[in-house]
Amino acid sequence: VYLRRLVKAADKISALIKCVDEAQSGNAEFKTAEKGIHAKVDEMAAQMPEVADFVTEFLPSYGKTLDQLL
């Protein structure tokens, strides 16, 4: 059961990353989806420490340039 929830969270995170990428590319249609998916990922993060760790440690770097990361 927990593994199923973890896979579902990974799928939502993947969708969120796609939205971030599309929004950074100028596709404004993904902004609304990004907000909704981000809210769902935040709900999952409140219950699953693995999701919370990913959101805290890795998610902020998505959508940034290499110069911004360095």
PDB file of N, CA and C in Angstrom:
ATOM      1  N   VAL A   1       0.831  -1.191   0.000  1.00  0.00           N
ATOM      2  CA  VAL A   1       0.000   0.000   0.000  1.00  0.00           C
ATOM      3  C   VAL A   1       0.877   1.257   0.000  1.00  0.00           C
ATOM      4  N   TYR A   2       1.912   1.282   0.839  1.00  0.00           N
ATOM      5  CA  TYR A   2       2.771   2.460   0.899  1.00  0.00           C
ATOM      6  C   TYR A   2       3.533   2.639  -0.412  1.00  0.00           C
ATOM      7  N   LEU A   3       3.968   1.527  -0.995  1.00  0.00           N
ATOM      8  CA  LEU A   3       4.695   1.608  -2.257  1.00  0.00           C
ATOM      9  C   LEU A   3       3.813   2.203  -3.352  1.00  0.00           C
ATOM     10  N   ARG A   4       2.546   1.841  -3.355  1.00  0.00           N
ATOM     11  CA  ARG A   4       1.613   2.396  -4.332  1.00  0.00           C
ATOM     12  C   ARG A   4       1.488   3.907  -4.149  1.00  0.00           C
ATOM     13  N   ARG A   5       1.401   4.356  -2.905  1.00  0.00           N
ATOM     14  CA  ARG A   5       1.313   5.797  -2.629  1.00  0.00           C
ATOM     15  C   ARG A   5       2.592   6.511  -3.050  1.00  0.00           C
ATOM     16  N   LEU A   6       3.729   5.841  -2.850  1.00  0.00           N
ATOM     17  CA  LEU A   6       5.011   6.428  -3.227  1.00  0.00           C
ATOM     18  C   LEU A   6       5.121   6.578  -4.747  1.00  0.00           C
ATOM     19  N   VAL A   7       4.670   5.573  -5.484  1.00  0.00           N
ATOM     20  CA  VAL A   7       4.681   5.644  -6.944  1.00  0.00           C
ATOM     21  C   VAL A   7       3.738   6.749  -7.426  1.00  0.00           C
ATOM     22  N   LYS A   8       2.583   6.878  -6.797  1.00  0.00           N
ATOM     23  CA  LYS A   8       1.631   7.938  -7.144  1.00  0.00           C
ATOM     24  C   LYS A   8       2.263   9.317  -6.899  1.00  0.00           C
ATOM     25  N   ALA A   9       2.977   9.448  -5.791  1.00  0.00           N
ATOM     26  CA  ALA A   9       3.654  10.716  -5.490  1.00  0.00           C
ATOM     27  C   ALA A   9       4.728  11.017  -6.539  1.00  0.00           C
ATOM     28  N   ALA A  10       5.474   9.995  -6.941  1.00  0.00           N
ATOM     29  CA  ALA A  10       6.505  10.184  -7.966  1.00  0.00           C
ATOM     30  C   ALA A  10       5.880  10.632  -9.283  1.00  0.00           C
ATOM     31  N   ASP A  11       4.726  10.089  -9.599  1.00  0.00           N
ATOM     32  CA  ASP A  11       4.014  10.485 -10.813  1.00  0.00           C
ATOM     33  C   ASP A  11       3.582  11.951 -10.735  1.00  0.00           C
ATOM     34  N   LYS A  12       3.081  12.370  -9.586  1.00  0.00           N
ATOM     35  CA  LYS A  12       2.682  13.774  -9.405  1.00  0.00           C
ATOM     36  C   LYS A  12       3.889  14.699  -9.477  1.00  0.00           C
ATOM     37  N   ILE A  13       4.992  14.281  -8.875  1.00  0.00           N
ATOM     38  CA  ILE A  13       6.212  15.089  -8.923  1.00  0.00           C
ATOM     39  C   ILE A  13       6.690  15.228 -10.361  1.00  0.00           C
ATOM     40  N   SER A  14       6.629  14.140 -11.112  1.00  0.00           N
ATOM     41  CA  SER A  14       7.007  14.184 -12.523  1.00  0.00           C
ATOM     42  C   SER A  14       6.133  15.163 -13.301  1.00  0.00           C
ATOM     43  N   ALA A  15       4.836  15.139 -13.034  1.00  0.00           N
ATOM     44  CA  ALA A  15       3.920  16.070 -13.696  1.00  0.00           C
ATOM     45  C   ALA A  15       4.239  17.510 -13.297  1.00  0.00           C
ATOM     46  N   LEU A  16       4.584  17.719 -12.041  1.00  0.00           N
ATOM     47  CA  LEU A  16       4.934  19.059 -11.566  1.00  0.00           C
ATOM     48  C   LEU A  16       6.191  19.560 -12.263  1.00  0.00           C
ATOM     49  N   ILE A  17       7.180  18.698 -12.395  1.00  0.00           N
ATOM     50  CA  ILE A  17       8.419  19.077 -13.077  1.00  0.00           C
ATOM     51  C   ILE A  17       8.140  19.438 -14.534  1.00  0.00           C
ATOM     52  N   LYS A  18       7.265  18.687 -15.177  1.00  0.00           N
ATOM     53  CA  LYS A  18       6.871  18.992 -16.560  1.00  0.00           C
ATOM     54  C   LYS A  18       6.221  20.375 -16.635  1.00  0.00           C
ATOM     55  N   CYS A  19       5.349  20.676 -15.686  1.00  0.00           N
ATOM     56  CA  CYS A  19       4.691  21.988 -15.659  1.00  0.00           C
ATOM     57  C   CYS A  19       5.706  23.111 -15.467  1.00  0.00           C
ATOM     58  N   VAL A  20       6.652  22.906 -14.570  1.00  0.00           N
ATOM     59  CA  VAL A  20       7.694  23.911 -14.325  1.00  0.00           C
ATOM     60  C   VAL A  20       8.500  24.130 -15.600  1.00  0.00           C
ATOM     61  N   ASP A  21       8.866  23.046 -16.248  1.00  0.00           N
ATOM     62  CA  ASP A  21       9.648  23.130 -17.481  1.00  0.00           C
ATOM     63  C   ASP A  21       8.887  23.875 -18.571  1.00  0.00           C
ATOM     64  N   GLU A  22       7.621  23.542 -18.748  1.00  0.00           N
ATOM     65  CA  GLU A  22       6.808  24.196 -19.772  1.00  0.00           C
ATOM     66  C   GLU A  22       6.598  25.677 -19.450  1.00  0.00           C
ATOM     67  N   ALA A  23       6.370  25.997 -18.196  1.00  0.00           N
ATOM     68  CA  ALA A  23       6.184  27.396 -17.803  1.00  0.00           C
ATOM     69  C   ALA A  23       7.459  28.196 -18.046  1.00  0.00           C
ATOM     70  N   GLN A  24       8.613  27.595 -17.784  1.00  0.00           N
ATOM     71  CA  GLN A  24       9.891  28.268 -18.020  1.00  0.00           C
ATOM     72  C   GLN A  24      10.123  28.496 -19.515  1.00  0.00           C
ATOM     73  N   SER A  25       9.531  27.643 -20.335  1.00  0.00           N
ATOM     74  CA  SER A  25       9.668  27.774 -21.782  1.00  0.00           C
ATOM     75  C   SER A  25       8.689  28.781 -22.372  1.00  0.00           C
ATOM     76  N   GLY A  26       7.862  29.358 -21.511  1.00  0.00           N
ATOM     77  CA  GLY A  26       6.937  30.380 -21.967  1.00  0.00           C
ATOM     78  C   GLY A  26       5.531  29.887 -22.235  1.00  0.00           C
ATOM     79  N   ASN A  27       5.250  28.644 -21.942  1.00  0.00           N
ATOM     80  CA  ASN A  27       3.926  28.086 -22.161  1.00  0.00           C
ATOM     81  C   ASN A  27       3.058  28.359 -20.933  1.00  0.00           C
ATOM     82  N   ALA A  28       2.301  29.437 -20.979  1.00  0.00           N
ATOM     83  CA  ALA A  28       1.517  29.890 -19.831  1.00  0.00           C
ATOM     84  C   ALA A  28       0.364  28.959 -19.473  1.00  0.00           C
ATOM     85  N   GLU A  29      -0.020  28.082 -20.389  1.00  0.00           N
ATOM     86  CA  GLU A  29      -1.124  27.162 -20.122  1.00  0.00           C
ATOM     87  C   GLU A  29      -0.823  26.219 -18.965  1.00  0.00           C
ATOM     88  N   PHE A  30       0.440  26.008 -18.673  1.00  0.00           N
ATOM     89  CA  PHE A  30       0.821  25.073 -17.627  1.00  0.00           C
ATOM     90  C   PHE A  30       0.852  25.715 -16.237  1.00  0.00           C
ATOM     91  N   LYS A  31       0.727  27.033 -16.150  1.00  0.00           N
ATOM     92  CA  LYS A  31       0.791  27.723 -14.856  1.00  0.00           C
ATOM     93  C   LYS A  31      -0.341  27.282 -13.925  1.00  0.00           C
ATOM     94  N   THR A  32      -1.560  27.177 -14.436  1.00  0.00           N
ATOM     95  CA  THR A  32      -2.695  26.761 -13.619  1.00  0.00           C
ATOM     96  C   THR A  32      -2.518  25.316 -13.160  1.00  0.00           C
ATOM     97  N   ALA A  33      -2.106  24.463 -14.076  1.00  0.00           N
ATOM     98  CA  ALA A  33      -1.867  23.062 -13.723  1.00  0.00           C
ATOM     99  C   ALA A  33      -0.765  22.952 -12.682  1.00  0.00           C
ATOM    100  N   GLU A  34       0.261  23.773 -12.811  1.00  0.00           N
ATOM    101  CA  GLU A  34       1.371  23.752 -11.856  1.00  0.00           C
ATOM    102  C   GLU A  34       0.883  24.049 -10.441  1.00  0.00           C
ATOM    103  N   LYS A  35       0.024  25.033 -10.303  1.00  0.00           N
ATOM    104  CA  LYS A  35      -0.494  25.379  -8.974  1.00  0.00           C
ATOM    105  C   LYS A  35      -1.278  24.230  -8.363  1.00  0.00           C
ATOM    106  N   GLY A  36      -2.149  23.608  -9.164  1.00  0.00           N
ATOM    107  CA  GLY A  36      -2.962  22.508  -8.657  1.00  0.00           C
ATOM    108  C   GLY A  36      -2.134  21.286  -8.290  1.00  0.00           C
ATOM    109  N   ILE A  37      -1.199  20.945  -9.153  1.00  0.00           N
ATOM    110  CA  ILE A  37      -0.354  19.778  -8.896  1.00  0.00           C
ATOM    111  C   ILE A  37       0.572  20.048  -7.714  1.00  0.00           C
ATOM    112  N   HIS A  38       1.072  21.265  -7.615  1.00  0.00           N
ATOM    113  CA  HIS A  38       1.950  21.607  -6.489  1.00  0.00           C
ATOM    114  C   HIS A  38       1.196  21.462  -5.170  1.00  0.00           C
ATOM    115  N   ALA A  39      -0.046  21.858  -5.143  1.00  0.00           N
ATOM    116  CA  ALA A  39      -0.861  21.713  -3.925  1.00  0.00           C
ATOM    117  C   ALA A  39      -1.022  20.239  -3.561  1.00  0.00           C
ATOM    118  N   LYS A  40      -1.238  19.396  -4.558  1.00  0.00           N
ATOM    119  CA  LYS A  40      -1.380  17.956  -4.312  1.00  0.00           C
ATOM    120  C   LYS A  40      -0.071  17.357  -3.815  1.00  0.00           C
ATOM    121  N   VAL A  41       1.044  17.756  -4.401  1.00  0.00           N
ATOM    122  CA  VAL A  41       2.350  17.267  -3.962  1.00  0.00           C
ATOM    123  C   VAL A  41       2.618  17.718  -2.521  1.00  0.00           C
ATOM    124  N   ASP A  42       2.245  18.944  -2.197  1.00  0.00           N
ATOM    125  CA  ASP A  42       2.414  19.424  -0.825  1.00  0.00           C
ATOM    126  C   ASP A  42       1.596  18.599   0.168  1.00  0.00           C
ATOM    127  N   GLU A  43       0.388  18.203  -0.223  1.00  0.00           N
ATOM    128  CA  GLU A  43      -0.429  17.329   0.626  1.00  0.00           C
ATOM    129  C   GLU A  43       0.271  15.992   0.856  1.00  0.00           C
ATOM    130  N   MET A  44       0.820  15.442  -0.218  1.00  0.00           N
ATOM    131  CA  MET A  44       1.533  14.173  -0.104  1.00  0.00           C
ATOM    132  C   MET A  44       2.787  14.323   0.750  1.00  0.00           C
ATOM    133  N   ALA A  45       3.461  15.462   0.625  1.00  0.00           N
ATOM    134  CA  ALA A  45       4.682  15.707   1.393  1.00  0.00           C
ATOM    135  C   ALA A  45       4.393  15.762   2.894  1.00  0.00           C
ATOM    136  N   ALA A  46       3.205  16.196   3.256  1.00  0.00           N
ATOM    137  CA  ALA A  46       2.839  16.264   4.668  1.00  0.00           C
ATOM    138  C   ALA A  46       2.706  14.870   5.278  1.00  0.00           C
ATOM    139  N   GLN A  47       2.463  13.868   4.448  1.00  0.00           N
ATOM    140  CA  GLN A  47       2.257  12.510   4.943  1.00  0.00           C
ATOM    141  C   GLN A  47       3.423  11.573   4.645  1.00  0.00           C
ATOM    142  N   MET A  48       4.278  11.956   3.717  1.00  0.00           N
ATOM    143  CA  MET A  48       5.350  11.070   3.279  1.00  0.00           C
ATOM    144  C   MET A  48       6.685  11.802   3.336  1.00  0.00           C
ATOM    145  N   PRO A  49       7.573  11.407   4.241  1.00  0.00           N
ATOM    146  CA  PRO A  49       8.845  12.123   4.389  1.00  0.00           C
ATOM    147  C   PRO A  49       9.715  12.098   3.139  1.00  0.00           C
ATOM    148  N   GLU A  50       9.610  11.055   2.329  1.00  0.00           N
ATOM    149  CA  GLU A  50      10.405  10.989   1.101  1.00  0.00           C
ATOM    150  C   GLU A  50      10.000  12.093   0.135  1.00  0.00           C
ATOM    151  N   VAL A  51       8.718  12.327   0.040  1.00  0.00           N
ATOM    152  CA  VAL A  51       8.205  13.379  -0.833  1.00  0.00           C
ATOM    153  C   VAL A  51       8.625  14.748  -0.294  1.00  0.00           C
ATOM    154  N   ALA A  52       8.514  14.924   1.001  1.00  0.00           N
ATOM    155  CA  ALA A  52       8.921  16.189   1.621  1.00  0.00           C
ATOM    156  C   ALA A  52      10.405  16.464   1.368  1.00  0.00           C
ATOM    157  N   ASP A  53      11.225  15.434   1.493  1.00  0.00           N
ATOM    158  CA  ASP A  53      12.657  15.603   1.239  1.00  0.00           C
ATOM    159  C   ASP A  53      12.923  16.006  -0.211  1.00  0.00           C
ATOM    160  N   PHE A  54      12.243  15.365  -1.152  1.00  0.00           N
ATOM    161  CA  PHE A  54      12.452  15.702  -2.559  1.00  0.00           C
ATOM    162  C   PHE A  54      12.026  17.137  -2.838  1.00  0.00           C
ATOM    163  N   VAL A  55      10.864  17.510  -2.314  1.00  0.00           N
ATOM    164  CA  VAL A  55      10.346  18.863  -2.542  1.00  0.00           C
ATOM    165  C   VAL A  55      11.303  19.896  -1.956  1.00  0.00           C
ATOM    166  N   THR A  56      11.865  19.614  -0.809  1.00  0.00           N
ATOM    167  CA  THR A  56      12.763  20.555  -0.144  1.00  0.00           C
ATOM    168  C   THR A  56      14.140  20.613  -0.807  1.00  0.00           C
ATOM    169  N   GLU A  57      14.688  19.450  -1.129  1.00  0.00           N
ATOM    170  CA  GLU A  57      16.070  19.376  -1.583  1.00  0.00           C
ATOM    171  C   GLU A  57      16.259  19.545  -3.092  1.00  0.00           C
ATOM    172  N   PHE A  58      15.343  19.005  -3.884  1.00  0.00           N
ATOM    173  CA  PHE A  58      15.589  18.935  -5.321  1.00  0.00           C
ATOM    174  C   PHE A  58      14.660  19.787  -6.173  1.00  0.00           C
ATOM    175  N   LEU A  59      13.415  19.909  -5.793  1.00  0.00           N
ATOM    176  CA  LEU A  59      12.452  20.611  -6.623  1.00  0.00           C
ATOM    177  C   LEU A  59      12.829  22.070  -6.912  1.00  0.00           C
ATOM    178  N   PRO A  60      13.394  22.795  -5.950  1.00  0.00           N
ATOM    179  CA  PRO A  60      13.740  24.201  -6.247  1.00  0.00           C
ATOM    180  C   PRO A  60      14.727  24.385  -7.397  1.00  0.00           C
ATOM    181  N   SER A  61      15.518  23.374  -7.713  1.00  0.00           N
ATOM    182  CA  SER A  61      16.506  23.526  -8.782  1.00  0.00           C
ATOM    183  C   SER A  61      15.906  23.352 -10.172  1.00  0.00           C
ATOM    184  N   TYR A  62      14.712  22.788 -10.266  1.00  0.00           N
ATOM    185  CA  TYR A  62      14.087  22.614 -11.578  1.00  0.00           C
ATOM    186  C   TYR A  62      13.663  23.965 -12.141  1.00  0.00           C
ATOM    187  N   GLY A  63      13.921  24.159 -13.406  1.00  0.00           N
ATOM    188  CA  GLY A  63      13.564  25.407 -14.060  1.00  0.00           C
ATOM    189  C   GLY A  63      14.650  26.461 -13.978  1.00  0.00           C
ATOM    190  N   LYS A  64      15.761  26.144 -13.309  1.00  0.00           N
ATOM    191  CA  LYS A  64      16.855  27.100 -13.223  1.00  0.00           C
ATOM    192  C   LYS A  64      17.911  26.777 -14.267  1.00  0.00           C
ATOM    193  N   THR A  65      18.655  27.783 -14.665  1.00  0.00           N
ATOM    194  CA  THR A  65      19.750  27.587 -15.608  1.00  0.00           C
ATOM    195  C   THR A  65      20.962  27.042 -14.863  1.00  0.00           C
ATOM    196  N   LEU A  66      21.955  26.553 -15.614  1.00  0.00           N
ATOM    197  CA  LEU A  66      23.167  26.073 -14.995  1.00  0.00           C
ATOM    198  C   LEU A  66      23.886  27.182 -14.232  1.00  0.00           C
ATOM    199  N   ASP A  67      23.872  28.382 -14.766  1.00  0.00           N
ATOM    200  CA  ASP A  67      24.494  29.509 -14.088  1.00  0.00           C
ATOM    201  C   ASP A  67      23.817  29.791 -12.746  1.00  0.00           C
ATOM    202  N   GLN A  68      22.497  29.674 -12.711  1.00  0.00           N
ATOM    203  CA  GLN A  68      21.770  29.896 -11.464  1.00  0.00           C
ATOM    204  C   GLN A  68      22.061  28.808 -10.447  1.00  0.00           C
ATOM    205  N   LEU A  69      22.305  27.598 -10.907  1.00  0.00           N
ATOM    206  CA  LEU A  69      22.591  26.490 -10.002  1.00  0.00           C
ATOM    207  C   LEU A  69      23.984  26.569  -9.411  1.00  0.00           C
ATOM    208  N   LEU A  70      24.906  27.198 -10.133  1.00  0.00           N
ATOM    209  CA  LEU A  70      26.281  27.320  -9.646  1.00  0.00           C
ATOM    210  C   LEU A  70      26.380  28.540  -8.808  1.00  0.00           C
TER     211      LEU A  70
END
